[in-house]
Amino acid sequence: MALVKAVEHMEDALAGALRSVTEQRKVDRKDLESILKLIIKKEILLEFLLEEGRKHEKTRKPHKPHKPHKKPRW
């Protein structure tokens, strides 16, 4: 779940940056292009991360409860 929260924060930050650029009277094309590139890169990376997470979930063995150690026979 930490990954999801991190992605949410990243999306909020990028949305805020995009909003601030587009709300300007004169939109700087370089700023807009830069932010859009970051948003696209984030989407691509997110897709890879989610895919890896799904692979990990499928191959992960279920957690076995810890068994207490037996007392030694002395």
PDB file of N, CA and C in Angstrom:
ATOM      1  N   MET A   1       0.805  -1.204   0.000  1.00  0.00           N
ATOM      2  CA  MET A   1       0.000   0.000   0.000  1.00  0.00           C
ATOM      3  C   MET A   1       0.847   1.266   0.000  1.00  0.00           C
ATOM      4  N   ALA A   2       2.099   1.166   0.421  1.00  0.00           N
ATOM      5  CA  ALA A   2       2.969   2.343   0.420  1.00  0.00           C
ATOM      6  C   ALA A   2       3.177   2.842  -1.004  1.00  0.00           C
ATOM      7  N   LEU A   3       3.255   1.912  -1.946  1.00  0.00           N
ATOM      8  CA  LEU A   3       3.430   2.282  -3.346  1.00  0.00           C
ATOM      9  C   LEU A   3       2.236   3.106  -3.831  1.00  0.00           C
ATOM     10  N   VAL A   4       1.054   2.683  -3.472  1.00  0.00           N
ATOM     11  CA  VAL A   4      -0.158   3.394  -3.901  1.00  0.00           C
ATOM     12  C   VAL A   4      -0.168   4.806  -3.334  1.00  0.00           C
ATOM     13  N   LYS A   5       0.191   4.961  -2.072  1.00  0.00           N
ATOM     14  CA  LYS A   5       0.222   6.288  -1.451  1.00  0.00           C
ATOM     15  C   LYS A   5       1.265   7.169  -2.130  1.00  0.00           C
ATOM     16  N   ALA A   6       2.431   6.606  -2.424  1.00  0.00           N
ATOM     17  CA  ALA A   6       3.479   7.378  -3.092  1.00  0.00           C
ATOM     18  C   ALA A   6       3.018   7.839  -4.464  1.00  0.00           C
ATOM     19  N   VAL A   7       2.332   6.960  -5.180  1.00  0.00           N
ATOM     20  CA  VAL A   7       1.829   7.314  -6.504  1.00  0.00           C
ATOM     21  C   VAL A   7       0.764   8.398  -6.389  1.00  0.00           C
ATOM     22  N   GLU A   8      -0.091   8.307  -5.382  1.00  0.00           N
ATOM     23  CA  GLU A   8      -1.112   9.336  -5.181  1.00  0.00           C
ATOM     24  C   GLU A   8      -0.470  10.703  -4.973  1.00  0.00           C
ATOM     25  N   HIS A   9       0.579  10.752  -4.146  1.00  0.00           N
ATOM     26  CA  HIS A   9       1.262  12.019  -3.893  1.00  0.00           C
ATOM     27  C   HIS A   9       1.913  12.548  -5.171  1.00  0.00           C
ATOM     28  N   MET A  10       2.505  11.640  -5.947  1.00  0.00           N
ATOM     29  CA  MET A  10       3.137  12.041  -7.194  1.00  0.00           C
ATOM     30  C   MET A  10       2.095  12.600  -8.166  1.00  0.00           C
ATOM     31  N   GLU A  11       0.965  11.928  -8.265  1.00  0.00           N
ATOM     32  CA  GLU A  11      -0.094  12.398  -9.162  1.00  0.00           C
ATOM     33  C   GLU A  11      -0.630  13.753  -8.722  1.00  0.00           C
ATOM     34  N   ASP A  12      -0.803  13.936  -7.423  1.00  0.00           N
ATOM     35  CA  ASP A  12      -1.274  15.227  -6.913  1.00  0.00           C
ATOM     36  C   ASP A  12      -0.289  16.341  -7.258  1.00  0.00           C
ATOM     37  N   ALA A  13       0.999  16.065  -7.071  1.00  0.00           N
ATOM     38  CA  ALA A  13       2.023  17.071  -7.356  1.00  0.00           C
ATOM     39  C   ALA A  13       2.056  17.416  -8.842  1.00  0.00           C
ATOM     40  N   LEU A  14       1.996  16.396  -9.695  1.00  0.00           N
ATOM     41  CA  LEU A  14       2.026  16.644 -11.134  1.00  0.00           C
ATOM     42  C   LEU A  14       0.752  17.347 -11.604  1.00  0.00           C
ATOM     43  N   ALA A  15      -0.380  16.988 -11.024  1.00  0.00           N
ATOM     44  CA  ALA A  15      -1.640  17.661 -11.384  1.00  0.00           C
ATOM     45  C   ALA A  15      -1.583  19.127 -10.971  1.00  0.00           C
ATOM     46  N   GLY A  16      -1.018  19.390  -9.796  1.00  0.00           N
ATOM     47  CA  GLY A  16      -0.874  20.778  -9.346  1.00  0.00           C
ATOM     48  C   GLY A  16       0.053  21.572 -10.248  1.00  0.00           C
ATOM     49  N   ALA A  17       1.140  20.953 -10.663  1.00  0.00           N
ATOM     50  CA  ALA A  17       2.073  21.635 -11.564  1.00  0.00           C
ATOM     51  C   ALA A  17       1.414  21.919 -12.905  1.00  0.00           C
ATOM     52  N   LEU A  18       0.690  20.946 -13.420  1.00  0.00           N
ATOM     53  CA  LEU A  18      -0.003  21.133 -14.695  1.00  0.00           C
ATOM     54  C   LEU A  18      -1.058  22.237 -14.573  1.00  0.00           C
ATOM     55  N   ARG A  19      -1.783  22.226 -13.472  1.00  0.00           N
ATOM     56  CA  ARG A  19      -2.821  23.243 -13.242  1.00  0.00           C
ATOM     57  C   ARG A  19      -2.201  24.637 -13.181  1.00  0.00           C
ATOM     58  N   SER A  20      -1.075  24.767 -12.477  1.00  0.00           N
ATOM     59  CA  SER A  20      -0.464  26.099 -12.343  1.00  0.00           C
ATOM     60  C   SER A  20       0.052  26.615 -13.678  1.00  0.00           C
ATOM     61  N   VAL A  21       0.562  25.736 -14.525  1.00  0.00           N
ATOM     62  CA  VAL A  21       1.041  26.169 -15.840  1.00  0.00           C
ATOM     63  C   VAL A  21      -0.119  26.552 -16.741  1.00  0.00           C
ATOM     64  N   THR A  22      -1.175  25.766 -16.731  1.00  0.00           N
ATOM     65  CA  THR A  22      -2.293  26.025 -17.643  1.00  0.00           C
ATOM     66  C   THR A  22      -3.156  27.202 -17.195  1.00  0.00           C
ATOM     67  N   GLU A  23      -3.083  27.598 -15.936  1.00  0.00           N
ATOM     68  CA  GLU A  23      -3.873  28.726 -15.447  1.00  0.00           C
ATOM     69  C   GLU A  23      -3.208  30.066 -15.732  1.00  0.00           C
ATOM     70  N   GLN A  24      -1.979  30.042 -16.188  1.00  0.00           N
ATOM     71  CA  GLN A  24      -1.288  31.288 -16.515  1.00  0.00           C
ATOM     72  C   GLN A  24      -1.899  31.897 -17.776  1.00  0.00           C
ATOM     73  N   ARG A  25      -1.838  33.215 -17.854  1.00  0.00           N
ATOM     74  CA  ARG A  25      -2.368  33.891 -19.041  1.00  0.00           C
ATOM     75  C   ARG A  25      -1.608  33.454 -20.283  1.00  0.00           C
ATOM     76  N   LYS A  26      -0.300  33.474 -20.169  1.00  0.00           N
ATOM     77  CA  LYS A  26       0.526  33.075 -21.291  1.00  0.00           C
ATOM     78  C   LYS A  26       1.210  31.757 -20.906  1.00  0.00           C
ATOM     79  N   VAL A  27       0.786  30.693 -21.533  1.00  0.00           N
ATOM     80  CA  VAL A  27       1.325  29.378 -21.214  1.00  0.00           C
ATOM     81  C   VAL A  27       2.666  29.210 -21.909  1.00  0.00           C
ATOM     82  N   ASP A  28       3.689  28.905 -21.107  1.00  0.00           N
ATOM     83  CA  ASP A  28       5.005  28.646 -21.670  1.00  0.00           C
ATOM     84  C   ASP A  28       5.006  27.222 -22.209  1.00  0.00           C
ATOM     85  N   ARG A  29       5.217  27.118 -23.491  1.00  0.00           N
ATOM     86  CA  ARG A  29       5.135  25.823 -24.165  1.00  0.00           C
ATOM     87  C   ARG A  29       6.144  24.830 -23.588  1.00  0.00           C
ATOM     88  N   LYS A  30       7.346  25.302 -23.248  1.00  0.00           N
ATOM     89  CA  LYS A  30       8.376  24.416 -22.694  1.00  0.00           C
ATOM     90  C   LYS A  30       7.952  23.860 -21.338  1.00  0.00           C
ATOM     91  N   ASP A  31       7.361  24.712 -20.491  1.00  0.00           N
ATOM     92  CA  ASP A  31       6.891  24.248 -19.183  1.00  0.00           C
ATOM     93  C   ASP A  31       5.788  23.211 -19.337  1.00  0.00           C
ATOM     94  N   LEU A  32       4.852  23.499 -20.210  1.00  0.00           N
ATOM     95  CA  LEU A  32       3.745  22.578 -20.439  1.00  0.00           C
ATOM     96  C   LEU A  32       4.256  21.244 -20.981  1.00  0.00           C
ATOM     97  N   GLU A  33       5.154  21.304 -21.936  1.00  0.00           N
ATOM     98  CA  GLU A  33       5.717  20.088 -22.524  1.00  0.00           C
ATOM     99  C   GLU A  33       6.490  19.281 -21.480  1.00  0.00           C
ATOM    100  N   SER A  34       7.232  19.959 -20.639  1.00  0.00           N
ATOM    101  CA  SER A  34       8.010  19.292 -19.594  1.00  0.00           C
ATOM    102  C   SER A  34       7.105  18.555 -18.605  1.00  0.00           C
ATOM    103  N   ILE A  35       6.045  19.217 -18.166  1.00  0.00           N
ATOM    104  CA  ILE A  35       5.129  18.592 -17.211  1.00  0.00           C
ATOM    105  C   ILE A  35       4.390  17.420 -17.851  1.00  0.00           C
ATOM    106  N   LEU A  36       3.960  17.588 -19.085  1.00  0.00           N
ATOM    107  CA  LEU A  36       3.277  16.481 -19.769  1.00  0.00           C
ATOM    108  C   LEU A  36       4.206  15.278 -19.940  1.00  0.00           C
ATOM    109  N   LYS A  37       5.481  15.524 -20.209  1.00  0.00           N
ATOM    110  CA  LYS A  37       6.451  14.423 -20.307  1.00  0.00           C
ATOM    111  C   LYS A  37       6.576  13.702 -18.967  1.00  0.00           C
ATOM    112  N   LEU A  38       6.633  14.472 -17.888  1.00  0.00           N
ATOM    113  CA  LEU A  38       6.723  13.851 -16.558  1.00  0.00           C
ATOM    114  C   LEU A  38       5.489  13.003 -16.259  1.00  0.00           C
ATOM    115  N   ILE A  39       4.331  13.493 -16.619  1.00  0.00           N
ATOM    116  CA  ILE A  39       3.096  12.746 -16.382  1.00  0.00           C
ATOM    117  C   ILE A  39       3.096  11.443 -17.185  1.00  0.00           C
ATOM    118  N   ILE A  40       3.528  11.511 -18.428  1.00  0.00           N
ATOM    119  CA  ILE A  40       3.581  10.301 -19.259  1.00  0.00           C
ATOM    120  C   ILE A  40       4.602   9.312 -18.705  1.00  0.00           C
ATOM    121  N   LYS A  41       5.769   9.808 -18.294  1.00  0.00           N
ATOM    122  CA  LYS A  41       6.789   8.929 -17.712  1.00  0.00           C
ATOM    123  C   LYS A  41       6.262   8.259 -16.449  1.00  0.00           C
ATOM    124  N   LYS A  42       5.550   9.026 -15.632  1.00  0.00           N
ATOM    125  CA  LYS A  42       4.986   8.461 -14.399  1.00  0.00           C
ATOM    126  C   LYS A  42       4.016   7.336 -14.719  1.00  0.00           C
ATOM    127  N   GLU A  43       3.194   7.524 -15.734  1.00  0.00           N
ATOM    128  CA  GLU A  43       2.229   6.488 -16.119  1.00  0.00           C
ATOM    129  C   GLU A  43       2.936   5.225 -16.600  1.00  0.00           C
ATOM    130  N   ILE A  44       4.001   5.398 -17.381  1.00  0.00           N
ATOM    131  CA  ILE A  44       4.753   4.239 -17.878  1.00  0.00           C
ATOM    132  C   ILE A  44       5.411   3.504 -16.718  1.00  0.00           C
ATOM    133  N   LEU A  45       6.065   4.238 -15.838  1.00  0.00           N
ATOM    134  CA  LEU A  45       6.719   3.607 -14.687  1.00  0.00           C
ATOM    135  C   LEU A  45       5.704   2.931 -13.768  1.00  0.00           C
ATOM    136  N   LEU A  46       4.584   3.562 -13.570  1.00  0.00           N
ATOM    137  CA  LEU A  46       3.544   2.978 -12.726  1.00  0.00           C
ATOM    138  C   LEU A  46       3.073   1.647 -13.301  1.00  0.00           C
ATOM    139  N   GLU A  47       2.905   1.595 -14.607  1.00  0.00           N
ATOM    140  CA  GLU A  47       2.472   0.354 -15.248  1.00  0.00           C
ATOM    141  C   GLU A  47       3.500  -0.758 -15.028  1.00  0.00           C
ATOM    142  N   PHE A  48       4.785  -0.431 -15.170  1.00  0.00           N
ATOM    143  CA  PHE A  48       5.835  -1.424 -14.924  1.00  0.00           C
ATOM    144  C   PHE A  48       5.834  -1.884 -13.463  1.00  0.00           C
ATOM    145  N   LEU A  49       5.706  -0.941 -12.541  1.00  0.00           N
ATOM    146  CA  LEU A  49       5.705  -1.292 -11.123  1.00  0.00           C
ATOM    147  C   LEU A  49       4.518  -2.179 -10.760  1.00  0.00           C
ATOM    148  N   LEU A  50       3.353  -1.839 -11.288  1.00  0.00           N
ATOM    149  CA  LEU A  50       2.174  -2.652 -10.995  1.00  0.00           C
ATOM    150  C   LEU A  50       2.320  -4.055 -11.590  1.00  0.00           C
ATOM    151  N   GLU A  51       2.890  -4.137 -12.779  1.00  0.00           N
ATOM    152  CA  GLU A  51       3.112  -5.431 -13.412  1.00  0.00           C
ATOM    153  C   GLU A  51       4.073  -6.281 -12.576  1.00  0.00           C
ATOM    154  N   GLU A  52       5.154  -5.669 -12.099  1.00  0.00           N
ATOM    155  CA  GLU A  52       6.103  -6.391 -11.247  1.00  0.00           C
ATOM    156  C   GLU A  52       5.445  -6.815  -9.939  1.00  0.00           C
ATOM    157  N   GLY A  53       4.619  -5.949  -9.388  1.00  0.00           N
ATOM    158  CA  GLY A  53       3.918  -6.294  -8.153  1.00  0.00           C
ATOM    159  C   GLY A  53       2.985  -7.474  -8.340  1.00  0.00           C
ATOM    160  N   ARG A  54       2.300  -7.513  -9.479  1.00  0.00           N
ATOM    161  CA  ARG A  54       1.409  -8.652  -9.763  1.00  0.00           C
ATOM    162  C   ARG A  54       2.207  -9.933  -9.919  1.00  0.00           C
ATOM    163  N   LYS A  55       3.355  -9.862 -10.593  1.00  0.00           N
ATOM    164  CA  LYS A  55       4.208 -11.048 -10.746  1.00  0.00           C
ATOM    165  C   LYS A  55       4.667 -11.538  -9.388  1.00  0.00           C
ATOM    166  N   HIS A  56       5.068 -10.601  -8.546  1.00  0.00           N
ATOM    167  CA  HIS A  56       5.556 -10.950  -7.212  1.00  0.00           C
ATOM    168  C   HIS A  56       4.455 -11.615  -6.389  1.00  0.00           C
ATOM    169  N   GLU A  57       3.246 -11.100  -6.476  1.00  0.00           N
ATOM    170  CA  GLU A  57       2.126 -11.672  -5.734  1.00  0.00           C
ATOM    171  C   GLU A  57       1.838 -13.103  -6.187  1.00  0.00           C
ATOM    172  N   LYS A  58       1.947 -13.364  -7.480  1.00  0.00           N
ATOM    173  CA  LYS A  58       1.659 -14.699  -8.001  1.00  0.00           C
ATOM    174  C   LYS A  58       2.717 -15.712  -7.583  1.00  0.00           C
ATOM    175  N   THR A  59       3.979 -15.287  -7.501  1.00  0.00           N
ATOM    176  CA  THR A  59       5.065 -16.219  -7.197  1.00  0.00           C
ATOM    177  C   THR A  59       5.372 -16.297  -5.714  1.00  0.00           C
ATOM    178  N   ARG A  60       4.836 -15.385  -4.937  1.00  0.00           N
ATOM    179  CA  ARG A  60       5.123 -15.372  -3.501  1.00  0.00           C
ATOM    180  C   ARG A  60       4.461 -16.543  -2.803  1.00  0.00           C
ATOM    181  N   LYS A  61       5.225 -17.192  -1.956  1.00  0.00           N
ATOM    182  CA  LYS A  61       4.673 -18.296  -1.175  1.00  0.00           C
ATOM    183  C   LYS A  61       3.912 -17.718   0.012  1.00  0.00           C
ATOM    184  N   PRO A  62       2.843 -18.401   0.395  1.00  0.00           N
ATOM    185  CA  PRO A  62       2.094 -17.916   1.558  1.00  0.00           C
ATOM    186  C   PRO A  62       2.971 -17.930   2.808  1.00  0.00           C
ATOM    187  N   HIS A  63       2.771 -16.985   3.657  1.00  0.00           N
ATOM    188  CA  HIS A  63       3.546 -16.885   4.889  1.00  0.00           C
ATOM    189  C   HIS A  63       3.113 -17.977   5.859  1.00  0.00           C
ATOM    190  N   LYS A  64       4.095 -18.737   6.327  1.00  0.00           N
ATOM    191  CA  LYS A  64       3.804 -19.789   7.311  1.00  0.00           C
ATOM    192  C   LYS A  64       4.035 -19.215   8.702  1.00  0.00           C
ATOM    193  N   PRO A  65       3.154 -19.551   9.620  1.00  0.00           N
ATOM    194  CA  PRO A  65       3.351 -19.061  10.980  1.00  0.00           C
ATOM    195  C   PRO A  65       4.649 -19.609  11.571  1.00  0.00           C
ATOM    196  N   HIS A  66       5.303 -18.825  12.378  1.00  0.00           N
ATOM    197  CA  HIS A  66       6.558 -19.222  13.000  1.00  0.00           C
ATOM    198  C   HIS A  66       6.297 -20.274  14.074  1.00  0.00           C
ATOM    199  N   LYS A  67       7.045 -21.376  13.989  1.00  0.00           N
ATOM    200  CA  LYS A  67       6.909 -22.431  15.001  1.00  0.00           C
ATOM    201  C   LYS A  67       7.937 -22.185  16.095  1.00  0.00           C
ATOM    202  N   PRO A  68       7.543 -22.386  17.338  1.00  0.00           N
ATOM    203  CA  PRO A  68       8.519 -22.203  18.430  1.00  0.00           C
ATOM    204  C   PRO A  68       9.586 -23.300  18.353  1.00  0.00           C
ATOM    205  N   HIS A  69      10.782 -22.961  18.802  1.00  0.00           N
ATOM    206  CA  HIS A  69      11.866 -23.932  18.813  1.00  0.00           C
ATOM    207  C   HIS A  69      11.599 -25.000  19.850  1.00  0.00           C
ATOM    208  N   LYS A  70      11.977 -26.230  19.502  1.00  0.00           N
ATOM    209  CA  LYS A  70      11.851 -27.312  20.474  1.00  0.00           C
ATOM    210  C   LYS A  70      12.980 -27.218  21.477  1.00  0.00           C
ATOM    211  N   LYS A  71      12.701 -27.666  22.674  1.00  0.00           N
ATOM    212  CA  LYS A  71      13.748 -27.665  23.695  1.00  0.00           C
ATOM    213  C   LYS A  71      14.760 -28.753  23.338  1.00  0.00           C
ATOM    214  N   PRO A  72      16.031 -28.465  23.502  1.00  0.00           N
ATOM    215  CA  PRO A  72      17.041 -29.485  23.175  1.00  0.00           C
ATOM    216  C   PRO A  72      16.977 -30.649  24.160  1.00  0.00           C
ATOM    217  N   ARG A  73      17.337 -31.834  23.659  1.00  0.00           N
ATOM    218  CA  ARG A  73      17.355 -33.038  24.529  1.00  0.00           C
ATOM    219  C   ARG A  73      18.748 -33.144  25.169  1.00  0.00           C
ATOM    220  N   TRP A  74      18.911 -32.720  26.318  1.00  0.00           N
ATOM    221  CA  TRP A  74      20.201 -32.803  26.981  1.00  0.00           C
ATOM    222  C   TRP A  74      20.113 -33.717  28.114  1.00  0.00           C
TER     223      TRP A  74
END
